[in-house]
ModelCIF file with pLDDT and N, C-alpha, C, O atoms, coordinates in Angstrom:
data_MODEL
#
_entry.id   MODEL 
#
_entity.id                         1 
_entity.type                       polymer 
_entity.pdbx_number_of_molecules   1 
#
_entity_poly.entity_id                      1 
_entity_poly.type                           'polypeptide(L)' 
_entity_poly.nstd_linkage                   no 
_entity_poly.nstd_monomer                   no 
_entity_poly.pdbx_seq_one_letter_code       
;(UNK)(UNK)(UNK)(UNK)(UNK)(UNK)(UNK)(UNK)(UNK)(UNK)(UNK)(UNK)(UNK)(UNK)(UNK)(UNK)
(UNK)(UNK)(UNK)(UNK)(UNK)(UNK)(UNK)(UNK)(UNK)(UNK)(UNK)(UNK)(UNK)(UNK)(UNK)(UNK)
(UNK)(UNK)(UNK)(UNK)(UNK)(UNK)(UNK)(UNK)(UNK)(UNK)(UNK)(UNK)(UNK)(UNK)(UNK)(UNK)
;
_entity_poly.pdbx_seq_one_letter_code_can   XXXXXXXXXXXXXXXXXXXXXXXXXXXXXXXXXXXXXXXXXXXXXXXX 
_entity_poly.pdbx_strand_id                 A 
#
loop_
_entity_poly_seq.entity_id 
_entity_poly_seq.num 
_entity_poly_seq.mon_id 
_entity_poly_seq.hetero 
1 1  UNK n 
1 2  UNK n 
1 3  UNK n 
1 4  UNK n 
1 5  UNK n 
1 6  UNK n 
1 7  UNK n 
1 8  UNK n 
1 9  UNK n 
1 10 UNK n 
1 11 UNK n 
1 12 UNK n 
1 13 UNK n 
1 14 UNK n 
1 15 UNK n 
1 16 UNK n 
1 17 UNK n 
1 18 UNK n 
1 19 UNK n 
1 20 UNK n 
1 21 UNK n 
1 22 UNK n 
1 23 UNK n 
1 24 UNK n 
1 25 UNK n 
1 26 UNK n 
1 27 UNK n 
1 28 UNK n 
1 29 UNK n 
1 30 UNK n 
1 31 UNK n 
1 32 UNK n 
1 33 UNK n 
1 34 UNK n 
1 35 UNK n 
1 36 UNK n 
1 37 UNK n 
1 38 UNK n 
1 39 UNK n 
1 40 UNK n 
1 41 UNK n 
1 42 UNK n 
1 43 UNK n 
1 44 UNK n 
1 45 UNK n 
1 46 UNK n 
1 47 UNK n 
1 48 UNK n 
#
_struct_asym.id          A 
_struct_asym.entity_id   1 
#
loop_
_ma_qa_metric.id 
_ma_qa_metric.mode 
_ma_qa_metric.name 
_ma_qa_metric.software_group_id 
_ma_qa_metric.type 
1 global pLDDT . pLDDT 
2 local  pLDDT . pLDDT 
#
_ma_qa_metric_global.metric_id      1 
_ma_qa_metric_global.metric_value   75.85 
_ma_qa_metric_global.model_id       1 
_ma_qa_metric_global.ordinal_id     1 
#
loop_
_ma_qa_metric_local.label_asym_id 
_ma_qa_metric_local.label_comp_id 
_ma_qa_metric_local.label_seq_id 
_ma_qa_metric_local.metric_id 
_ma_qa_metric_local.metric_value 
_ma_qa_metric_local.model_id 
_ma_qa_metric_local.ordinal_id 
A UNK 1  2 80.00 1 1  
A UNK 2  2 79.00 1 2  
A UNK 3  2 74.00 1 3  
A UNK 4  2 76.00 1 4  
A UNK 5  2 76.00 1 5  
A UNK 6  2 75.00 1 6  
A UNK 7  2 67.00 1 7  
A UNK 8  2 62.00 1 8  
A UNK 9  2 62.00 1 9  
A UNK 10 2 59.00 1 10 
A UNK 11 2 60.00 1 11 
A UNK 12 2 58.00 1 12 
A UNK 13 2 57.00 1 13 
A UNK 14 2 50.00 1 14 
A UNK 15 2 54.00 1 15 
A UNK 16 2 58.00 1 16 
A UNK 17 2 65.00 1 17 
A UNK 18 2 65.00 1 18 
A UNK 19 2 70.00 1 19 
A UNK 20 2 73.00 1 20 
A UNK 21 2 76.00 1 21 
A UNK 22 2 75.00 1 22 
A UNK 23 2 82.00 1 23 
A UNK 24 2 83.00 1 24 
A UNK 25 2 81.00 1 25 
A UNK 26 2 81.00 1 26 
A UNK 27 2 87.00 1 27 
A UNK 28 2 86.00 1 28 
A UNK 29 2 82.00 1 29 
A UNK 30 2 87.00 1 30 
A UNK 31 2 88.00 1 31 
A UNK 32 2 84.00 1 32 
A UNK 33 2 83.00 1 33 
A UNK 34 2 88.00 1 34 
A UNK 35 2 85.00 1 35 
A UNK 36 2 83.00 1 36 
A UNK 37 2 83.00 1 37 
A UNK 38 2 83.00 1 38 
A UNK 39 2 83.00 1 39 
A UNK 40 2 83.00 1 40 
A UNK 41 2 84.00 1 41 
A UNK 42 2 82.00 1 42 
A UNK 43 2 83.00 1 43 
A UNK 44 2 82.00 1 44 
A UNK 45 2 82.00 1 45 
A UNK 46 2 80.00 1 46 
A UNK 47 2 82.00 1 47 
A UNK 48 2 83.00 1 48 
#
loop_
_atom_site.group_PDB 
_atom_site.id 
_atom_site.type_symbol 
_atom_site.label_atom_id 
_atom_site.label_alt_id 
_atom_site.label_comp_id 
_atom_site.label_asym_id 
_atom_site.label_entity_id 
_atom_site.label_seq_id 
_atom_site.pdbx_PDB_ins_code 
_atom_site.Cartn_x 
_atom_site.Cartn_y 
_atom_site.Cartn_z 
_atom_site.occupancy 
_atom_site.B_iso_or_equiv 
_atom_site.pdbx_formal_charge 
_atom_site.auth_seq_id 
_atom_site.auth_comp_id 
_atom_site.auth_asym_id 
_atom_site.auth_atom_id 
_atom_site.pdbx_PDB_model_num 
ATOM 1   N N  . UNK A 1 1  ? 29.899  -4.364 14.952  1.00 80.00 ? 1  UNK A N  1 
ATOM 2   C CA . UNK A 1 1  ? 29.801  -5.230 13.769  1.00 80.00 ? 1  UNK A CA 1 
ATOM 3   C C  . UNK A 1 1  ? 28.432  -5.101 13.105  1.00 80.00 ? 1  UNK A C  1 
ATOM 4   O O  . UNK A 1 1  ? 28.347  -5.098 11.877  1.00 80.00 ? 1  UNK A O  1 
ATOM 5   N N  . UNK A 1 2  ? 27.387  -4.998 13.873  1.00 79.00 ? 2  UNK A N  1 
ATOM 6   C CA . UNK A 1 2  ? 26.047  -4.872 13.300  1.00 79.00 ? 2  UNK A CA 1 
ATOM 7   C C  . UNK A 1 2  ? 25.903  -3.556 12.548  1.00 79.00 ? 2  UNK A C  1 
ATOM 8   O O  . UNK A 1 2  ? 25.343  -3.521 11.452  1.00 79.00 ? 2  UNK A O  1 
ATOM 9   N N  . UNK A 1 3  ? 26.404  -2.479 13.133  1.00 74.00 ? 3  UNK A N  1 
ATOM 10  C CA . UNK A 1 3  ? 26.313  -1.176 12.454  1.00 74.00 ? 3  UNK A CA 1 
ATOM 11  C C  . UNK A 1 3  ? 27.116  -1.151 11.164  1.00 74.00 ? 3  UNK A C  1 
ATOM 12  O O  . UNK A 1 3  ? 26.714  -0.519 10.187  1.00 74.00 ? 3  UNK A O  1 
ATOM 13  N N  . UNK A 1 4  ? 28.257  -1.844 11.163  1.00 76.00 ? 4  UNK A N  1 
ATOM 14  C CA . UNK A 1 4  ? 29.082  -1.873 9.947   1.00 76.00 ? 4  UNK A CA 1 
ATOM 15  C C  . UNK A 1 4  ? 28.406  -2.669 8.838   1.00 76.00 ? 4  UNK A C  1 
ATOM 16  O O  . UNK A 1 4  ? 28.621  -2.385 7.659   1.00 76.00 ? 4  UNK A O  1 
ATOM 17  N N  . UNK A 1 5  ? 27.599  -3.652 9.190   1.00 76.00 ? 5  UNK A N  1 
ATOM 18  C CA . UNK A 1 5  ? 26.986  -4.514 8.178   1.00 76.00 ? 5  UNK A CA 1 
ATOM 19  C C  . UNK A 1 5  ? 25.634  -3.996 7.713   1.00 76.00 ? 5  UNK A C  1 
ATOM 20  O O  . UNK A 1 5  ? 25.064  -4.579 6.790   1.00 76.00 ? 5  UNK A O  1 
ATOM 21  N N  . UNK A 1 6  ? 25.090  -2.941 8.295   1.00 75.00 ? 6  UNK A N  1 
ATOM 22  C CA . UNK A 1 6  ? 23.767  -2.449 7.934   1.00 75.00 ? 6  UNK A CA 1 
ATOM 23  C C  . UNK A 1 6  ? 23.801  -0.938 7.747   1.00 75.00 ? 6  UNK A C  1 
ATOM 24  O O  . UNK A 1 6  ? 24.735  -0.254 8.167   1.00 75.00 ? 6  UNK A O  1 
ATOM 25  N N  . UNK A 1 7  ? 22.720  -0.429 7.084   1.00 67.00 ? 7  UNK A N  1 
ATOM 26  C CA . UNK A 1 7  ? 22.587  1.006  6.847   1.00 67.00 ? 7  UNK A CA 1 
ATOM 27  C C  . UNK A 1 7  ? 22.264  1.670  8.175   1.00 67.00 ? 7  UNK A C  1 
ATOM 28  O O  . UNK A 1 7  ? 21.118  1.663  8.627   1.00 67.00 ? 7  UNK A O  1 
ATOM 29  N N  . UNK A 1 8  ? 23.261  2.227  8.776   1.00 62.00 ? 8  UNK A N  1 
ATOM 30  C CA . UNK A 1 8  ? 23.100  2.763  10.111  1.00 62.00 ? 8  UNK A CA 1 
ATOM 31  C C  . UNK A 1 8  ? 22.198  3.979  10.144  1.00 62.00 ? 8  UNK A C  1 
ATOM 32  O O  . UNK A 1 8  ? 21.550  4.245  11.156  1.00 62.00 ? 8  UNK A O  1 
ATOM 33  N N  . UNK A 1 9  ? 22.149  4.740  9.021   1.00 62.00 ? 9  UNK A N  1 
ATOM 34  C CA . UNK A 1 9  ? 21.321  5.958  8.989   1.00 62.00 ? 9  UNK A CA 1 
ATOM 35  C C  . UNK A 1 9  ? 19.846  5.583  9.036   1.00 62.00 ? 9  UNK A C  1 
ATOM 36  O O  . UNK A 1 9  ? 19.068  6.166  9.791   1.00 62.00 ? 9  UNK A O  1 
ATOM 37  N N  . UNK A 1 10 ? 19.464  4.583  8.203   1.00 59.00 ? 10 UNK A N  1 
ATOM 38  C CA . UNK A 1 10 ? 18.056  4.156  8.189   1.00 59.00 ? 10 UNK A CA 1 
ATOM 39  C C  . UNK A 1 10 ? 17.660  3.563  9.539   1.00 59.00 ? 10 UNK A C  1 
ATOM 40  O O  . UNK A 1 10 ? 16.559  3.789  10.042  1.00 59.00 ? 10 UNK A O  1 
ATOM 41  N N  . UNK A 1 11 ? 18.576  2.810  10.099  1.00 60.00 ? 11 UNK A N  1 
ATOM 42  C CA . UNK A 1 11 ? 18.266  2.137  11.366  1.00 60.00 ? 11 UNK A CA 1 
ATOM 43  C C  . UNK A 1 11 ? 18.175  3.129  12.520  1.00 60.00 ? 11 UNK A C  1 
ATOM 44  O O  . UNK A 1 11 ? 17.253  3.062  13.333  1.00 60.00 ? 11 UNK A O  1 
ATOM 45  N N  . UNK A 1 12 ? 19.139  4.051  12.587  1.00 58.00 ? 12 UNK A N  1 
ATOM 46  C CA . UNK A 1 12 ? 19.161  4.996  13.713  1.00 58.00 ? 12 UNK A CA 1 
ATOM 47  C C  . UNK A 1 12 ? 18.023  5.993  13.647  1.00 58.00 ? 12 UNK A C  1 
ATOM 48  O O  . UNK A 1 12 ? 17.601  6.511  14.681  1.00 58.00 ? 12 UNK A O  1 
ATOM 49  N N  . UNK A 1 13 ? 17.496  6.284  12.409  1.00 57.00 ? 13 UNK A N  1 
ATOM 50  C CA . UNK A 1 13 ? 16.333  7.173  12.335  1.00 57.00 ? 13 UNK A CA 1 
ATOM 51  C C  . UNK A 1 13 ? 15.107  6.547  12.965  1.00 57.00 ? 13 UNK A C  1 
ATOM 52  O O  . UNK A 1 13 ? 14.212  7.238  13.454  1.00 57.00 ? 13 UNK A O  1 
ATOM 53  N N  . UNK A 1 14 ? 15.085  5.230  12.943  1.00 50.00 ? 14 UNK A N  1 
ATOM 54  C CA . UNK A 1 14 ? 13.962  4.541  13.565  1.00 50.00 ? 14 UNK A CA 1 
ATOM 55  C C  . UNK A 1 14 ? 12.703  4.557  12.731  1.00 50.00 ? 14 UNK A C  1 
ATOM 56  O O  . UNK A 1 14 ? 11.640  4.182  13.227  1.00 50.00 ? 14 UNK A O  1 
ATOM 57  N N  . UNK A 1 15 ? 12.787  4.994  11.428  1.00 54.00 ? 15 UNK A N  1 
ATOM 58  C CA . UNK A 1 15 ? 11.610  5.056  10.566  1.00 54.00 ? 15 UNK A CA 1 
ATOM 59  C C  . UNK A 1 15 ? 11.659  3.911  9.574   1.00 54.00 ? 15 UNK A C  1 
ATOM 60  O O  . UNK A 1 15 ? 12.645  3.779  8.848   1.00 54.00 ? 15 UNK A O  1 
ATOM 61  N N  . UNK A 1 16 ? 10.684  3.122  9.520   1.00 58.00 ? 16 UNK A N  1 
ATOM 62  C CA . UNK A 1 16 ? 10.605  2.001  8.592   1.00 58.00 ? 16 UNK A CA 1 
ATOM 63  C C  . UNK A 1 16 ? 9.793   2.474  7.387   1.00 58.00 ? 16 UNK A C  1 
ATOM 64  O O  . UNK A 1 16 ? 8.573   2.318  7.354   1.00 58.00 ? 16 UNK A O  1 
ATOM 65  N N  . UNK A 1 17 ? 10.524  3.092  6.330   1.00 65.00 ? 17 UNK A N  1 
ATOM 66  C CA . UNK A 1 17 ? 9.851   3.629  5.144   1.00 65.00 ? 17 UNK A CA 1 
ATOM 67  C C  . UNK A 1 17 ? 9.140   2.534  4.373   1.00 65.00 ? 17 UNK A C  1 
ATOM 68  O O  . UNK A 1 17 ? 8.068   2.768  3.815   1.00 65.00 ? 17 UNK A O  1 
ATOM 69  N N  . UNK A 1 18 ? 9.712   1.358  4.333   1.00 65.00 ? 18 UNK A N  1 
ATOM 70  C CA . UNK A 1 18 ? 9.074   0.244  3.624   1.00 65.00 ? 18 UNK A CA 1 
ATOM 71  C C  . UNK A 1 18 ? 7.726   -0.079 4.245   1.00 65.00 ? 18 UNK A C  1 
ATOM 72  O O  . UNK A 1 18 ? 6.777   -0.402 3.531   1.00 65.00 ? 18 UNK A O  1 
ATOM 73  N N  . UNK A 1 19 ? 7.631   0.005  5.565   1.00 70.00 ? 19 UNK A N  1 
ATOM 74  C CA . UNK A 1 19 ? 6.366   -0.269 6.222   1.00 70.00 ? 19 UNK A CA 1 
ATOM 75  C C  . UNK A 1 19 ? 5.325   0.788  5.879   1.00 70.00 ? 19 UNK A C  1 
ATOM 76  O O  . UNK A 1 19 ? 4.155   0.463  5.677   1.00 70.00 ? 19 UNK A O  1 
ATOM 77  N N  . UNK A 1 20 ? 5.748   2.078  5.809   1.00 73.00 ? 20 UNK A N  1 
ATOM 78  C CA . UNK A 1 20 ? 4.810   3.140  5.441   1.00 73.00 ? 20 UNK A CA 1 
ATOM 79  C C  . UNK A 1 20 ? 4.337   2.996  3.997   1.00 73.00 ? 20 UNK A C  1 
ATOM 80  O O  . UNK A 1 20 ? 3.148   3.134  3.710   1.00 73.00 ? 20 UNK A O  1 
ATOM 81  N N  . UNK A 1 21 ? 5.284   2.714  3.080   1.00 76.00 ? 21 UNK A N  1 
ATOM 82  C CA . UNK A 1 21 ? 4.917   2.532  1.675   1.00 76.00 ? 21 UNK A CA 1 
ATOM 83  C C  . UNK A 1 21 ? 3.995   1.325  1.507   1.00 76.00 ? 21 UNK A C  1 
ATOM 84  O O  . UNK A 1 21 ? 3.097   1.326  0.665   1.00 76.00 ? 21 UNK A O  1 
ATOM 85  N N  . UNK A 1 22 ? 4.237   0.273  2.340   1.00 75.00 ? 22 UNK A N  1 
ATOM 86  C CA . UNK A 1 22 ? 3.384   -0.912 2.294   1.00 75.00 ? 22 UNK A CA 1 
ATOM 87  C C  . UNK A 1 22 ? 1.956   -0.572 2.723   1.00 75.00 ? 22 UNK A C  1 
ATOM 88  O O  . UNK A 1 22 ? 1.003   -1.092 2.142   1.00 75.00 ? 22 UNK A O  1 
ATOM 89  N N  . UNK A 1 23 ? 1.795   0.275  3.708   1.00 82.00 ? 23 UNK A N  1 
ATOM 90  C CA . UNK A 1 23 ? 0.460   0.693  4.132   1.00 82.00 ? 23 UNK A CA 1 
ATOM 91  C C  . UNK A 1 23 ? -0.265  1.442  3.014   1.00 82.00 ? 23 UNK A C  1 
ATOM 92  O O  . UNK A 1 23 ? -1.463  1.252  2.804   1.00 82.00 ? 23 UNK A O  1 
ATOM 93  N N  . UNK A 1 24 ? 0.489   2.313  2.285   1.00 83.00 ? 24 UNK A N  1 
ATOM 94  C CA . UNK A 1 24 ? -0.111  3.055  1.173   1.00 83.00 ? 24 UNK A CA 1 
ATOM 95  C C  . UNK A 1 24 ? -0.554  2.121  0.055   1.00 83.00 ? 24 UNK A C  1 
ATOM 96  O O  . UNK A 1 24 ? -1.629  2.294  -0.519  1.00 83.00 ? 24 UNK A O  1 
ATOM 97  N N  . UNK A 1 25 ? 0.288   1.122  -0.255  1.00 81.00 ? 25 UNK A N  1 
ATOM 98  C CA . UNK A 1 25 ? -0.069  0.172  -1.313  1.00 81.00 ? 25 UNK A CA 1 
ATOM 99  C C  . UNK A 1 25 ? -1.308  -0.635 -0.935  1.00 81.00 ? 25 UNK A C  1 
ATOM 100 O O  . UNK A 1 25 ? -2.185  -0.864 -1.768  1.00 81.00 ? 25 UNK A O  1 
ATOM 101 N N  . UNK A 1 26 ? -1.373  -1.056 0.301   1.00 81.00 ? 26 UNK A N  1 
ATOM 102 C CA . UNK A 1 26 ? -2.534  -1.820 0.737   1.00 81.00 ? 26 UNK A CA 1 
ATOM 103 C C  . UNK A 1 26 ? -3.798  -0.971 0.674   1.00 81.00 ? 26 UNK A C  1 
ATOM 104 O O  . UNK A 1 26 ? -4.860  -1.475 0.308   1.00 81.00 ? 26 UNK A O  1 
ATOM 105 N N  . UNK A 1 27 ? -3.699  0.315  1.025   1.00 87.00 ? 27 UNK A N  1 
ATOM 106 C CA . UNK A 1 27 ? -4.855  1.206  0.932   1.00 87.00 ? 27 UNK A CA 1 
ATOM 107 C C  . UNK A 1 27 ? -5.291  1.380  -0.521  1.00 87.00 ? 27 UNK A C  1 
ATOM 108 O O  . UNK A 1 27 ? -6.485  1.353  -0.818  1.00 87.00 ? 27 UNK A O  1 
ATOM 109 N N  . UNK A 1 28 ? -4.333  1.557  -1.420  1.00 86.00 ? 28 UNK A N  1 
ATOM 110 C CA . UNK A 1 28 ? -4.651  1.713  -2.842  1.00 86.00 ? 28 UNK A CA 1 
ATOM 111 C C  . UNK A 1 28 ? -5.280  0.443  -3.407  1.00 86.00 ? 28 UNK A C  1 
ATOM 112 O O  . UNK A 1 28 ? -6.203  0.510  -4.218  1.00 86.00 ? 28 UNK A O  1 
ATOM 113 N N  . UNK A 1 29 ? -4.776  -0.716 -2.975  1.00 82.00 ? 29 UNK A N  1 
ATOM 114 C CA . UNK A 1 29 ? -5.350  -1.968 -3.467  1.00 82.00 ? 29 UNK A CA 1 
ATOM 115 C C  . UNK A 1 29 ? -6.801  -2.108 -3.023  1.00 82.00 ? 29 UNK A C  1 
ATOM 116 O O  . UNK A 1 29 ? -7.630  -2.581 -3.801  1.00 82.00 ? 29 UNK A O  1 
ATOM 117 N N  . UNK A 1 30 ? -7.126  -1.722 -1.826  1.00 87.00 ? 30 UNK A N  1 
ATOM 118 C CA . UNK A 1 30 ? -8.496  -1.808 -1.360  1.00 87.00 ? 30 UNK A CA 1 
ATOM 119 C C  . UNK A 1 30 ? -9.390  -0.854 -2.144  1.00 87.00 ? 30 UNK A C  1 
ATOM 120 O O  . UNK A 1 30 ? -10.545 -1.166 -2.436  1.00 87.00 ? 30 UNK A O  1 
ATOM 121 N N  . UNK A 1 31 ? -8.831  0.335  -2.489  1.00 88.00 ? 31 UNK A N  1 
ATOM 122 C CA . UNK A 1 31 ? -9.613  1.283  -3.298  1.00 88.00 ? 31 UNK A CA 1 
ATOM 123 C C  . UNK A 1 31 ? -9.923  0.702  -4.670  1.00 88.00 ? 31 UNK A C  1 
ATOM 124 O O  . UNK A 1 31 ? -11.053 0.802  -5.148  1.00 88.00 ? 31 UNK A O  1 
ATOM 125 N N  . UNK A 1 32 ? -8.919  0.092  -5.309  1.00 84.00 ? 32 UNK A N  1 
ATOM 126 C CA . UNK A 1 32 ? -9.123  -0.499 -6.636  1.00 84.00 ? 32 UNK A CA 1 
ATOM 127 C C  . UNK A 1 32 ? -10.120 -1.642 -6.575  1.00 84.00 ? 32 UNK A C  1 
ATOM 128 O O  . UNK A 1 32 ? -10.926 -1.815 -7.489  1.00 84.00 ? 32 UNK A O  1 
ATOM 129 N N  . UNK A 1 33 ? -10.069 -2.418 -5.509  1.00 83.00 ? 33 UNK A N  1 
ATOM 130 C CA . UNK A 1 33 ? -11.031 -3.506 -5.378  1.00 83.00 ? 33 UNK A CA 1 
ATOM 131 C C  . UNK A 1 33 ? -12.448 -2.975 -5.207  1.00 83.00 ? 33 UNK A C  1 
ATOM 132 O O  . UNK A 1 33 ? -13.406 -3.576 -5.694  1.00 83.00 ? 33 UNK A O  1 
ATOM 133 N N  . UNK A 1 34 ? -12.579 -1.841 -4.511  1.00 88.00 ? 34 UNK A N  1 
ATOM 134 C CA . UNK A 1 34 ? -13.896 -1.215 -4.362  1.00 88.00 ? 34 UNK A CA 1 
ATOM 135 C C  . UNK A 1 34 ? -14.430 -0.741 -5.713  1.00 88.00 ? 34 UNK A C  1 
ATOM 136 O O  . UNK A 1 34 ? -15.599 -0.953 -6.038  1.00 88.00 ? 34 UNK A O  1 
ATOM 137 N N  . UNK A 1 35 ? -13.560 -0.098 -6.498  1.00 85.00 ? 35 UNK A N  1 
ATOM 138 C CA . UNK A 1 35 ? -13.970 0.363  -7.842  1.00 85.00 ? 35 UNK A CA 1 
ATOM 139 C C  . UNK A 1 35 ? -14.366 -0.820 -8.705  1.00 85.00 ? 35 UNK A C  1 
ATOM 140 O O  . UNK A 1 35 ? -15.329 -0.749 -9.468  1.00 85.00 ? 35 UNK A O  1 
ATOM 141 N N  . UNK A 1 36 ? -13.601 -1.933 -8.577  1.00 83.00 ? 36 UNK A N  1 
ATOM 142 C CA . UNK A 1 36 ? -13.898 -3.113 -9.376  1.00 83.00 ? 36 UNK A CA 1 
ATOM 143 C C  . UNK A 1 36 ? -15.294 -3.654 -9.055  1.00 83.00 ? 36 UNK A C  1 
ATOM 144 O O  . UNK A 1 36 ? -16.024 -4.062 -9.959  1.00 83.00 ? 36 UNK A O  1 
ATOM 145 N N  . UNK A 1 37 ? -15.663 -3.660 -7.783  1.00 83.00 ? 37 UNK A N  1 
ATOM 146 C CA . UNK A 1 37 ? -16.989 -4.126 -7.405  1.00 83.00 ? 37 UNK A CA 1 
ATOM 147 C C  . UNK A 1 37 ? -18.069 -3.190 -7.932  1.00 83.00 ? 37 UNK A C  1 
ATOM 148 O O  . UNK A 1 37 ? -19.132 -3.650 -8.350  1.00 83.00 ? 37 UNK A O  1 
ATOM 149 N N  . UNK A 1 38 ? -17.812 -1.874 -7.918  1.00 83.00 ? 38 UNK A N  1 
ATOM 150 C CA . UNK A 1 38 ? -18.784 -0.918 -8.453  1.00 83.00 ? 38 UNK A CA 1 
ATOM 151 C C  . UNK A 1 38 ? -18.987 -1.108 -9.952  1.00 83.00 ? 38 UNK A C  1 
ATOM 152 O O  . UNK A 1 38 ? -20.106 -0.986 -10.450 1.00 83.00 ? 38 UNK A O  1 
ATOM 153 N N  . UNK A 1 39 ? -17.906 -1.404 -10.671 1.00 83.00 ? 39 UNK A N  1 
ATOM 154 C CA . UNK A 1 39 ? -18.018 -1.632 -12.119 1.00 83.00 ? 39 UNK A CA 1 
ATOM 155 C C  . UNK A 1 39 ? -18.852 -2.875 -12.408 1.00 83.00 ? 39 UNK A C  1 
ATOM 156 O O  . UNK A 1 39 ? -19.641 -2.900 -13.353 1.00 83.00 ? 39 UNK A O  1 
ATOM 157 N N  . UNK A 1 40 ? -18.669 -3.907 -11.585 1.00 83.00 ? 40 UNK A N  1 
ATOM 158 C CA . UNK A 1 40 ? -19.463 -5.115 -11.789 1.00 83.00 ? 40 UNK A CA 1 
ATOM 159 C C  . UNK A 1 40 ? -20.947 -4.813 -11.628 1.00 83.00 ? 40 UNK A C  1 
ATOM 160 O O  . UNK A 1 40 ? -21.766 -5.317 -12.397 1.00 83.00 ? 40 UNK A O  1 
ATOM 161 N N  . UNK A 1 41 ? -21.296 -4.014 -10.659 1.00 84.00 ? 41 UNK A N  1 
ATOM 162 C CA . UNK A 1 41 ? -22.690 -3.637 -10.473 1.00 84.00 ? 41 UNK A CA 1 
ATOM 163 C C  . UNK A 1 41 ? -23.194 -2.771 -11.624 1.00 84.00 ? 41 UNK A C  1 
ATOM 164 O O  . UNK A 1 41 ? -24.332 -2.924 -12.069 1.00 84.00 ? 41 UNK A O  1 
ATOM 165 N N  . UNK A 1 42 ? -22.339 -1.852 -12.110 1.00 82.00 ? 42 UNK A N  1 
ATOM 166 C CA . UNK A 1 42 ? -22.735 -0.966 -13.221 1.00 82.00 ? 42 UNK A CA 1 
ATOM 167 C C  . UNK A 1 42 ? -22.972 -1.753 -14.501 1.00 82.00 ? 42 UNK A C  1 
ATOM 168 O O  . UNK A 1 42 ? -23.919 -1.464 -15.233 1.00 82.00 ? 42 UNK A O  1 
ATOM 169 N N  . UNK A 1 43 ? -22.125 -2.748 -14.788 1.00 83.00 ? 43 UNK A N  1 
ATOM 170 C CA . UNK A 1 43 ? -22.305 -3.566 -15.991 1.00 83.00 ? 43 UNK A CA 1 
ATOM 171 C C  . UNK A 1 43 ? -23.623 -4.322 -15.913 1.00 83.00 ? 43 UNK A C  1 
ATOM 172 O O  . UNK A 1 43 ? -24.310 -4.484 -16.922 1.00 83.00 ? 43 UNK A O  1 
ATOM 173 N N  . UNK A 1 44 ? -23.966 -4.770 -14.761 1.00 82.00 ? 44 UNK A N  1 
ATOM 174 C CA . UNK A 1 44 ? -25.214 -5.517 -14.615 1.00 82.00 ? 44 UNK A CA 1 
ATOM 175 C C  . UNK A 1 44 ? -26.427 -4.631 -14.869 1.00 82.00 ? 44 UNK A C  1 
ATOM 176 O O  . UNK A 1 44 ? -27.447 -5.131 -15.344 1.00 82.00 ? 44 UNK A O  1 
ATOM 177 N N  . UNK A 1 45 ? -26.356 -3.335 -14.572 1.00 82.00 ? 45 UNK A N  1 
ATOM 178 C CA . UNK A 1 45 ? -27.491 -2.417 -14.766 1.00 82.00 ? 45 UNK A CA 1 
ATOM 179 C C  . UNK A 1 45 ? -26.927 -1.063 -15.148 1.00 82.00 ? 45 UNK A C  1 
ATOM 180 O O  . UNK A 1 45 ? -26.663 -0.207 -14.304 1.00 82.00 ? 45 UNK A O  1 
ATOM 181 N N  . UNK A 1 46 ? -26.751 -0.899 -16.464 1.00 80.00 ? 46 UNK A N  1 
ATOM 182 C CA . UNK A 1 46 ? -26.138 0.341  -16.963 1.00 80.00 ? 46 UNK A CA 1 
ATOM 183 C C  . UNK A 1 46 ? -27.042 1.525  -16.686 1.00 80.00 ? 46 UNK A C  1 
ATOM 184 O O  . UNK A 1 46 ? -26.558 2.593  -16.310 1.00 80.00 ? 46 UNK A O  1 
ATOM 185 N N  . UNK A 1 47 ? -28.329 1.363  -16.860 1.00 82.00 ? 47 UNK A N  1 
ATOM 186 C CA . UNK A 1 47 ? -29.263 2.471  -16.692 1.00 82.00 ? 47 UNK A CA 1 
ATOM 187 C C  . UNK A 1 47 ? -29.222 2.991  -15.261 1.00 82.00 ? 47 UNK A C  1 
ATOM 188 O O  . UNK A 1 47 ? -29.179 4.202  -15.040 1.00 82.00 ? 47 UNK A O  1 
ATOM 189 N N  . UNK A 1 48 ? -29.233 2.058  -14.264 1.00 83.00 ? 48 UNK A N  1 
ATOM 190 C CA . UNK A 1 48 ? -29.175 2.490  -12.870 1.00 83.00 ? 48 UNK A CA 1 
ATOM 191 C C  . UNK A 1 48 ? -27.848 3.159  -12.570 1.00 83.00 ? 48 UNK A C  1 
ATOM 192 O O  . UNK A 1 48 ? -27.615 3.590  -11.440 1.00 83.00 ? 48 UNK A O  1 
#
């Protein structure tokens, strides 16, 4: 009954693609936040 009610191919592969994509998104968000902090510093001192 459980196999009939769920995507058996995704489950039997044992790979959680959503979890991998979530890790990539979290990494990208941290990168954007880093760039945002650098821009704040640059605006404060354009010459530097």
